[in-house]
């Protein structure tokens, strides 16, 4: 069975190190399964999440299926809007620069559309006094 992998980025447009990853026989190639089409589905799914447990399951699935580590936490300063959250996709070989920016943007749009998730994250961090 042939599993499609992400196409090569235009020269100079990305720093994903795709070729270096493909050349290493010990490399984790899961990230290359995220084709442009699959990325679009992923971003749409991230934007449409409705609960914190859904978001946490997506974080786990991103890591399990693609090796992507996504961190979502309140920023160091006071959180007044979803812009105050620190949302980061950690660097890894094979992860395109645009994808690394698009995933946090989709999560941010999710938090804006469903503020209850943002409040649950803050509550889980003890910022509402519930912890």
Protein backbone atom coordinates (compact mmCIF):
# COMPACT_ATOMS: atom_id res chain seq x y z
CA UNK A 1 0.00 0.00 0.00
CA UNK A 2 1.37 3.39 -1.00
CA UNK A 3 0.96 6.20 1.53
CA UNK A 4 1.11 9.65 -0.09
CA UNK A 5 3.67 12.03 1.34
CA UNK A 6 3.92 15.80 1.22
CA UNK A 7 5.32 17.26 -1.98
CA UNK A 8 8.62 19.08 -1.96
CA UNK A 9 8.42 22.77 -1.05
CA UNK A 10 9.62 25.37 -3.56
CA UNK A 11 13.36 26.09 -3.16
CA UNK A 12 14.01 28.81 -0.60
CA UNK A 13 10.37 28.91 0.54
CA UNK A 14 10.73 26.51 3.45
CA UNK A 15 13.18 25.18 6.00
CA UNK A 16 11.49 21.81 6.56
CA UNK A 17 14.55 19.72 5.68
CA UNK A 18 12.35 17.24 3.82
CA UNK A 19 15.17 15.81 1.71
CA UNK A 20 17.45 15.37 4.73
CA UNK A 21 14.61 13.58 6.53
CA UNK A 22 14.01 11.25 3.56
CA UNK A 23 17.73 10.46 3.34
CA UNK A 24 17.92 9.32 6.97
CA UNK A 25 16.87 5.66 7.30
CA UNK A 26 16.29 6.12 11.06
CA UNK A 27 14.12 9.24 10.68
CA UNK A 28 10.53 9.54 11.85
CA UNK A 29 8.66 10.12 8.57
CA UNK A 30 5.17 10.46 10.06
CA UNK A 31 5.13 14.23 9.50
CA UNK A 32 5.43 13.71 5.74
CA UNK A 33 1.99 12.06 5.72
CA UNK A 34 0.52 15.53 6.22
CA UNK A 35 -0.15 16.40 2.58
CA UNK A 36 -1.62 19.79 1.60
CA UNK A 37 -5.06 18.16 1.37
CA UNK A 38 -4.73 16.50 4.78
CA UNK A 39 -3.43 19.75 6.25
CA UNK A 40 -6.55 21.58 5.04
CA UNK A 41 -8.75 18.93 6.71
CA UNK A 42 -6.71 19.16 9.91
CA UNK A 43 -6.99 22.95 10.07
CA UNK A 44 -10.76 22.81 9.47
CA UNK A 45 -11.12 20.20 12.20
CA UNK A 46 -9.04 22.23 14.65
CA UNK A 47 -11.16 25.31 14.00
CA UNK A 48 -14.41 23.42 14.60
CA UNK A 49 -13.56 21.83 17.97
CA UNK A 50 -16.20 22.45 20.63
CA UNK A 51 -14.70 21.32 23.94
CA UNK A 52 -11.37 21.23 25.76
CA UNK A 53 -11.35 17.40 25.81
CA UNK A 54 -11.77 17.47 22.00
CA UNK A 55 -8.81 19.84 21.74
CA UNK A 56 -6.73 17.66 24.05
CA UNK A 57 -7.57 14.56 21.98
CA UNK A 58 -6.48 16.41 18.84
CA UNK A 59 -3.20 17.35 20.53
CA UNK A 60 -2.62 13.69 21.38
CA UNK A 61 -3.55 12.53 17.88
CA UNK A 62 -1.24 15.11 16.29
CA UNK A 63 1.59 13.71 18.36
CA UNK A 64 0.69 10.03 17.88
CA UNK A 65 -0.01 10.17 14.16
CA UNK A 66 2.35 12.89 12.93
CA UNK A 67 4.85 13.47 15.71
CA UNK A 68 3.66 17.10 16.06
CA UNK A 69 3.94 18.52 19.56
CA UNK A 70 1.39 21.30 20.12
CA UNK A 71 1.51 23.35 23.33
CA UNK A 72 -1.36 25.61 24.42
CA UNK A 73 -1.03 27.62 27.61
CA UNK A 74 -1.87 31.04 28.99
CA UNK A 75 0.84 33.54 28.16
CA UNK A 76 3.22 34.95 30.76
CA UNK A 77 1.23 38.17 30.96
CA UNK A 78 -2.44 38.65 31.77
CA UNK A 79 -4.76 36.88 29.31
CA UNK A 80 -7.45 39.32 28.18
CA UNK A 81 -8.11 37.82 24.74
CA UNK A 82 -7.14 34.62 22.94
CA UNK A 83 -4.09 36.52 21.70
CA UNK A 84 -2.78 36.17 25.26
CA UNK A 85 -2.42 32.40 24.87
CA UNK A 86 0.93 30.90 23.99
CA UNK A 87 0.19 28.41 21.19
CA UNK A 88 3.25 26.71 19.76
CA UNK A 89 4.06 23.89 17.38
CA UNK A 90 7.54 22.67 18.29
CA UNK A 91 10.22 22.45 15.60
CA UNK A 92 10.83 19.11 13.96
CA UNK A 93 12.40 17.98 10.70
CA UNK A 94 9.85 17.72 7.91
CA UNK A 95 7.45 20.29 9.37
CA UNK A 96 6.88 23.07 6.87
CA UNK A 97 7.14 26.66 8.03
CA UNK A 98 3.62 27.48 6.79
CA UNK A 99 2.15 24.48 8.60
CA UNK A 100 3.96 25.48 11.78
CA UNK A 101 2.19 28.86 11.56
CA UNK A 102 -1.18 27.56 10.33
CA UNK A 103 -1.86 25.12 13.18
CA UNK A 104 -1.60 27.72 15.99
CA UNK A 105 -3.68 30.14 13.90
CA UNK A 106 -6.42 27.49 13.53
CA UNK A 107 -6.35 26.81 17.29
CA UNK A 108 -6.59 30.54 17.96
CA UNK A 109 -9.64 30.78 15.65
CA UNK A 110 -11.16 27.84 17.56
CA UNK A 111 -10.63 29.62 20.87
CA UNK A 112 -12.16 32.81 19.46
CA UNK A 113 -15.20 30.91 18.16
CA UNK A 114 -15.61 28.85 21.35
CA UNK A 115 -14.55 30.99 24.32
CA UNK A 116 -15.60 28.22 26.75
CA UNK A 117 -12.49 26.26 25.69
CA UNK A 118 -10.28 29.25 26.51
CA UNK A 119 -11.96 29.60 29.92
CA UNK A 120 -11.45 25.88 30.61
CA UNK A 121 -7.73 26.21 29.76
CA UNK A 122 -7.45 29.15 32.15
CA UNK A 123 -9.37 27.25 34.82
CA UNK A 124 -7.14 24.19 34.38
CA UNK A 125 -4.13 26.43 34.99
CA UNK A 126 -5.70 27.65 38.25
CA UNK A 127 -6.22 31.19 36.99
CA UNK A 128 -9.89 31.26 38.02
CA UNK A 129 -9.18 29.93 41.48
CA UNK A 130 -10.74 26.54 40.77
CA UNK A 131 -7.50 24.58 41.09
